[in-house]
């Protein structure tokens, strides 16, 4: 990483921290080494000699803090995921997560808009934009909101549920949808995912086919993933067990369940939470083409 990139990274992290402190969020630190992450089909944790896992995300512990009565939380934390390496991925990376009680995913969309405008104004005051593949993305212009079904029909001429049934969802998303989103010169919120892709999100009241989940894209690069949080422990256990069933059928390890989290989940108020990739935000702020350009050391440097 160049010296000026290190300074920019520090300024982005400071801007994030200032943004949340000014809005009354409590900054927290939670353990990096835990007995169990939230089991997911396509995310593999790194297991230590003690059989505990490095966190893939701080969400489990942060949601337990919501259950304990904290209302507005944020954390900038190191996370680990096994066998992730590419121009946009590292096995060890930096994640921003924030959670709010007494709200849903719509509030998080507003948070994202205000956060990105603040980072652009503070860290790139001359142009106040983000850059991706030489395209300037203006966070101050009206953001695009597109449902997942609308995106699949508009850009792929296919039904998203049909793609899920045929096992084509990821292929269409990465080869058709994300390249189409890369053409927008404003941020894009892709929202209202099929319930099959709900993860830890609740389904929409009145329409259980959809989950209150969204992802934020800038220049076609996925930056954040947010939910209206599920607080039904029985449904969450069922989803974790289904994720493990899929993992087992794919020849992957079955993962332990985060039992203390499940035991307290029923006490979590209506809440929303989101994870944002800090390294990717620095990439977009600097106009870097790869994640290697915005970290002090890559694995290959060590």
Foldseek 3Di string as FASTA:
>chain_A
DDPVLQVLLVQLVVLLVVVQVVVPADEDDDDQWAQFEQQAQPWAFDADPVRTTGAQDPVLVVLVVLLVPHFKYKYWDWHATPPWDDQATARIAIKIKMKGFPDWVVVVVVVVLVSLQSSLCRSVVVPSFWAAPNQTAHSVPDEAEAEPQRLCCVWVVDGQVVCVVVVNNVVCCVPIRLQVCLVHSYKYKYFFDALVPQLFAAADVPDNRTTGKIFIDHSSDTFKIKHQGDLQLVVSVVVSVVSQVSCVVVVHDRTDHPVVSSVSSNSRHGMMMMMGGSLVSSCGSVVPHGSCVNDPDGPVRD
